[in-house]
Amino acid sequence: MMVHIFLKRIAILFAMLGTLTLVAGCNTMEGLGEDTQAVGESLEEEAEEHAD
């Protein structure tokens, strides 16, 4: 019985860690996307300035 409770707690711990990893990964990728978009917009503005 004690082994069953221990395994259940370990499973819950891994599920929580997995969820935290996914959430952190999503936030990181969102930030990377925003940074990439900002760089693209800057390049576009510079290209428009030098197009004439």
PDB file of N, CA and C in Angstrom:
ATOM      1  N   MET A   1       0.826  -1.205   0.000  1.00  0.00           N
ATOM      2  CA  MET A   1       0.000   0.000   0.000  1.00  0.00           C
ATOM      3  C   MET A   1       0.863   1.258   0.000  1.00  0.00           C
ATOM      4  N   MET A   2       1.940   1.266   0.779  1.00  0.00           N
ATOM      5  CA  MET A   2       2.826   2.433   0.838  1.00  0.00           C
ATOM      6  C   MET A   2       3.497   2.672  -0.515  1.00  0.00           C
ATOM      7  N   VAL A   3       3.836   1.607  -1.209  1.00  0.00           N
ATOM      8  CA  VAL A   3       4.470   1.738  -2.519  1.00  0.00           C
ATOM      9  C   VAL A   3       3.501   2.392  -3.496  1.00  0.00           C
ATOM     10  N   HIS A   4       2.231   2.024  -3.438  1.00  0.00           N
ATOM     11  CA  HIS A   4       1.217   2.587  -4.318  1.00  0.00           C
ATOM     12  C   HIS A   4       1.084   4.096  -4.101  1.00  0.00           C
ATOM     13  N   ILE A   5       1.057   4.531  -2.865  1.00  0.00           N
ATOM     14  CA  ILE A   5       0.950   5.961  -2.540  1.00  0.00           C
ATOM     15  C   ILE A   5       2.203   6.703  -3.007  1.00  0.00           C
ATOM     16  N   PHE A   6       3.368   6.087  -2.789  1.00  0.00           N
ATOM     17  CA  PHE A   6       4.625   6.694  -3.203  1.00  0.00           C
ATOM     18  C   PHE A   6       4.670   6.870  -4.720  1.00  0.00           C
ATOM     19  N   LEU A   7       4.284   5.859  -5.462  1.00  0.00           N
ATOM     20  CA  LEU A   7       4.283   5.935  -6.923  1.00  0.00           C
ATOM     21  C   LEU A   7       3.284   6.966  -7.429  1.00  0.00           C
ATOM     22  N   LYS A   8       2.161   7.067  -6.752  1.00  0.00           N
ATOM     23  CA  LYS A   8       1.161   8.058  -7.141  1.00  0.00           C
ATOM     24  C   LYS A   8       1.714   9.472  -6.945  1.00  0.00           C
ATOM     25  N   ARG A   9       2.409   9.700  -5.849  1.00  0.00           N
ATOM     26  CA  ARG A   9       2.998  11.012  -5.587  1.00  0.00           C
ATOM     27  C   ARG A   9       4.104  11.335  -6.601  1.00  0.00           C
ATOM     28  N   ILE A  10       4.897  10.333  -6.942  1.00  0.00           N
ATOM     29  CA  ILE A  10       5.947  10.531  -7.940  1.00  0.00           C
ATOM     30  C   ILE A  10       5.322  10.874  -9.286  1.00  0.00           C
ATOM     31  N   ALA A  11       4.244  10.198  -9.659  1.00  0.00           N
ATOM     32  CA  ALA A  11       3.563  10.469 -10.929  1.00  0.00           C
ATOM     33  C   ALA A  11       3.007  11.888 -10.954  1.00  0.00           C
ATOM     34  N   ILE A  12       2.430  12.324  -9.851  1.00  0.00           N
ATOM     35  CA  ILE A  12       1.901  13.691  -9.763  1.00  0.00           C
ATOM     36  C   ILE A  12       3.031  14.704  -9.872  1.00  0.00           C
ATOM     37  N   LEU A  13       4.148  14.425  -9.227  1.00  0.00           N
ATOM     38  CA  LEU A  13       5.305  15.323  -9.287  1.00  0.00           C
ATOM     39  C   LEU A  13       5.797  15.471 -10.726  1.00  0.00           C
ATOM     40  N   PHE A  14       5.927  14.348 -11.439  1.00  0.00           N
ATOM     41  CA  PHE A  14       6.385  14.413 -12.823  1.00  0.00           C
ATOM     42  C   PHE A  14       5.375  15.134 -13.715  1.00  0.00           C
ATOM     43  N   ALA A  15       4.106  14.954 -13.458  1.00  0.00           N
ATOM     44  CA  ALA A  15       3.085  15.646 -14.237  1.00  0.00           C
ATOM     45  C   ALA A  15       3.183  17.161 -14.020  1.00  0.00           C
ATOM     46  N   MET A  16       3.405  17.567 -12.785  1.00  0.00           N
ATOM     47  CA  MET A  16       3.536  18.993 -12.475  1.00  0.00           C
ATOM     48  C   MET A  16       4.799  19.572 -13.116  1.00  0.00           C
ATOM     49  N   LEU A  17       5.901  18.840 -13.045  1.00  0.00           N
ATOM     50  CA  LEU A  17       7.140  19.306 -13.665  1.00  0.00           C
ATOM     51  C   LEU A  17       6.991  19.416 -15.179  1.00  0.00           C
ATOM     52  N   GLY A  18       6.309  18.460 -15.784  1.00  0.00           N
ATOM     53  CA  GLY A  18       6.070  18.500 -17.221  1.00  0.00           C
ATOM     54  C   GLY A  18       5.234  19.700 -17.614  1.00  0.00           C
ATOM     55  N   THR A  19       4.213  19.981 -16.828  1.00  0.00           N
ATOM     56  CA  THR A  19       3.354  21.130 -17.105  1.00  0.00           C
ATOM     57  C   THR A  19       4.142  22.431 -16.992  1.00  0.00           C
ATOM     58  N   LEU A  20       4.960  22.552 -15.958  1.00  0.00           N
ATOM     59  CA  LEU A  20       5.784  23.751 -15.798  1.00  0.00           C
ATOM     60  C   LEU A  20       6.752  23.921 -16.966  1.00  0.00           C
ATOM     61  N   THR A  21       7.325  22.835 -17.422  1.00  0.00           N
ATOM     62  CA  THR A  21       8.251  22.884 -18.551  1.00  0.00           C
ATOM     63  C   THR A  21       7.546  23.372 -19.806  1.00  0.00           C
ATOM     64  N   LEU A  22       6.347  22.860 -20.056  1.00  0.00           N
ATOM     65  CA  LEU A  22       5.593  23.288 -21.236  1.00  0.00           C
ATOM     66  C   LEU A  22       5.228  24.762 -21.173  1.00  0.00           C
ATOM     67  N   VAL A  23       4.786  25.213 -20.007  1.00  0.00           N
ATOM     68  CA  VAL A  23       4.398  26.618 -19.853  1.00  0.00           C
ATOM     69  C   VAL A  23       5.618  27.523 -20.037  1.00  0.00           C
ATOM     70  N   ALA A  24       6.731  27.159 -19.445  1.00  0.00           N
ATOM     71  CA  ALA A  24       7.952  27.963 -19.587  1.00  0.00           C
ATOM     72  C   ALA A  24       8.412  27.980 -21.038  1.00  0.00           C
ATOM     73  N   GLY A  25       8.310  26.850 -21.705  1.00  0.00           N
ATOM     74  CA  GLY A  25       8.698  26.773 -23.114  1.00  0.00           C
ATOM     75  C   GLY A  25       7.825  27.649 -23.986  1.00  0.00           C
ATOM     76  N   CYS A  26       6.544  27.679 -23.716  1.00  0.00           N
ATOM     77  CA  CYS A  26       5.630  28.520 -24.507  1.00  0.00           C
ATOM     78  C   CYS A  26       5.976  29.989 -24.331  1.00  0.00           C
ATOM     79  N   ASN A  27       6.240  30.400 -23.108  1.00  0.00           N
ATOM     80  CA  ASN A  27       6.584  31.807 -22.861  1.00  0.00           C
ATOM     81  C   ASN A  27       7.898  32.165 -23.535  1.00  0.00           C
ATOM     82  N   THR A  28       8.848  31.254 -23.516  1.00  0.00           N
ATOM     83  CA  THR A  28      10.135  31.504 -24.145  1.00  0.00           C
ATOM     84  C   THR A  28       9.978  31.648 -25.648  1.00  0.00           C
ATOM     85  N   MET A  29       9.224  30.777 -26.273  1.00  0.00           N
ATOM     86  CA  MET A  29       9.019  30.832 -27.717  1.00  0.00           C
ATOM     87  C   MET A  29       8.232  32.075 -28.110  1.00  0.00           C
ATOM     88  N   GLU A  30       7.299  32.483 -27.267  1.00  0.00           N
ATOM     89  CA  GLU A  30       6.536  33.706 -27.545  1.00  0.00           C
ATOM     90  C   GLU A  30       7.476  34.907 -27.546  1.00  0.00           C
ATOM     91  N   GLY A  31       8.357  34.979 -26.576  1.00  0.00           N
ATOM     92  CA  GLY A  31       9.331  36.070 -26.507  1.00  0.00           C
ATOM     93  C   GLY A  31      10.273  36.063 -27.698  1.00  0.00           C
ATOM     94  N   LEU A  32      10.702  34.879 -28.116  1.00  0.00           N
ATOM     95  CA  LEU A  32      11.572  34.754 -29.276  1.00  0.00           C
ATOM     96  C   LEU A  32      10.848  35.236 -30.526  1.00  0.00           C
ATOM     97  N   GLY A  33       9.586  34.897 -30.662  1.00  0.00           N
ATOM     98  CA  GLY A  33       8.800  35.343 -31.809  1.00  0.00           C
ATOM     99  C   GLY A  33       8.663  36.854 -31.845  1.00  0.00           C
ATOM    100  N   GLU A  34       8.453  37.452 -30.684  1.00  0.00           N
ATOM    101  CA  GLU A  34       8.326  38.908 -30.619  1.00  0.00           C
ATOM    102  C   GLU A  34       9.649  39.582 -30.979  1.00  0.00           C
ATOM    103  N   ASP A  35      10.765  39.027 -30.494  1.00  0.00           N
ATOM    104  CA  ASP A  35      12.076  39.590 -30.815  1.00  0.00           C
ATOM    105  C   ASP A  35      12.360  39.481 -32.312  1.00  0.00           C
ATOM    106  N   THR A  36      12.045  38.334 -32.889  1.00  0.00           N
ATOM    107  CA  THR A  36      12.257  38.126 -34.320  1.00  0.00           C
ATOM    108  C   THR A  36      11.407  39.087 -35.133  1.00  0.00           C
ATOM    109  N   GLN A  37      10.191  39.308 -34.717  1.00  0.00           N
ATOM    110  CA  GLN A  37       9.301  40.233 -35.410  1.00  0.00           C
ATOM    111  C   GLN A  37       9.861  41.662 -35.342  1.00  0.00           C
ATOM    112  N   ALA A  38      10.380  42.056 -34.199  1.00  0.00           N
ATOM    113  CA  ALA A  38      10.945  43.399 -34.045  1.00  0.00           C
ATOM    114  C   ALA A  38      12.151  43.588 -34.965  1.00  0.00           C
ATOM    115  N   VAL A  39      12.999  42.572 -35.072  1.00  0.00           N
ATOM    116  CA  VAL A  39      14.155  42.653 -35.964  1.00  0.00           C
ATOM    117  C   VAL A  39      13.688  42.780 -37.417  1.00  0.00           C
ATOM    118  N   GLY A  40      12.701  41.989 -37.795  1.00  0.00           N
ATOM    119  CA  GLY A  40      12.160  42.057 -39.153  1.00  0.00           C
ATOM    120  C   GLY A  40      11.585  43.418 -39.473  1.00  0.00           C
ATOM    121  N   GLU A  41      10.878  44.011 -38.538  1.00  0.00           N
ATOM    122  CA  GLU A  41      10.305  45.338 -38.755  1.00  0.00           C
ATOM    123  C   GLU A  41      11.404  46.391 -38.897  1.00  0.00           C
ATOM    124  N   SER A  42      12.454  46.275 -38.107  1.00  0.00           N
ATOM    125  CA  SER A  42      13.570  47.216 -38.206  1.00  0.00           C
ATOM    126  C   SER A  42      14.246  47.113 -39.567  1.00  0.00           C
ATOM    127  N   LEU A  43      14.471  45.884 -40.019  1.00  0.00           N
ATOM    128  CA  LEU A  43      15.078  45.683 -41.338  1.00  0.00           C
ATOM    129  C   LEU A  43      14.197  46.252 -42.443  1.00  0.00           C
ATOM    130  N   GLU A  44      12.906  46.049 -42.318  1.00  0.00           N
ATOM    131  CA  GLU A  44      11.971  46.550 -43.319  1.00  0.00           C
ATOM    132  C   GLU A  44      12.005  48.081 -43.379  1.00  0.00           C
ATOM    133  N   GLU A  45      12.040  48.723 -42.221  1.00  0.00           N
ATOM    134  CA  GLU A  45      12.097  50.184 -42.171  1.00  0.00           C
ATOM    135  C   GLU A  45      13.386  50.706 -42.806  1.00  0.00           C
ATOM    136  N   GLU A  46      14.509  50.056 -42.499  1.00  0.00           N
ATOM    137  CA  GLU A  46      15.791  50.473 -43.090  1.00  0.00           C
ATOM    138  C   GLU A  46      15.775  50.293 -44.599  1.00  0.00           C
ATOM    139  N   ALA A  47      15.206  49.206 -45.072  1.00  0.00           N
ATOM    140  CA  ALA A  47      15.137  48.951 -46.513  1.00  0.00           C
ATOM    141  C   ALA A  47      14.276  50.000 -47.205  1.00  0.00           C
ATOM    142  N   GLU A  48      13.181  50.392 -46.568  1.00  0.00           N
ATOM    143  CA  GLU A  48      12.308  51.417 -47.154  1.00  0.00           C
ATOM    144  C   GLU A  48      13.014  52.770 -47.206  1.00  0.00           C
ATOM    145  N   GLU A  49      13.825  53.091 -46.203  1.00  0.00           N
ATOM    146  CA  GLU A  49      14.561  54.361 -46.181  1.00  0.00           C
ATOM    147  C   GLU A  49      15.596  54.436 -47.303  1.00  0.00           C
ATOM    148  N   HIS A  50      16.227  53.302 -47.616  1.00  0.00           N
ATOM    149  CA  HIS A  50      17.292  53.283 -48.602  1.00  0.00           C
ATOM    150  C   HIS A  50      16.815  52.845 -49.982  1.00  0.00           C
ATOM    151  N   ALA A  51      15.530  52.677 -50.154  1.00  0.00           N
ATOM    152  CA  ALA A  51      15.007  52.221 -51.437  1.00  0.00           C
ATOM    153  C   ALA A  51      15.032  53.335 -52.483  1.00  0.00           C
ATOM    154  N   ASP A  52      14.943  54.555 -52.059  1.00  0.00           N
ATOM    155  CA  ASP A  52      14.890  55.672 -53.013  1.00  0.00           C
ATOM    156  C   ASP A  52      16.235  56.135 -53.446  1.00  0.00           C
TER     157      ASP A  52
END
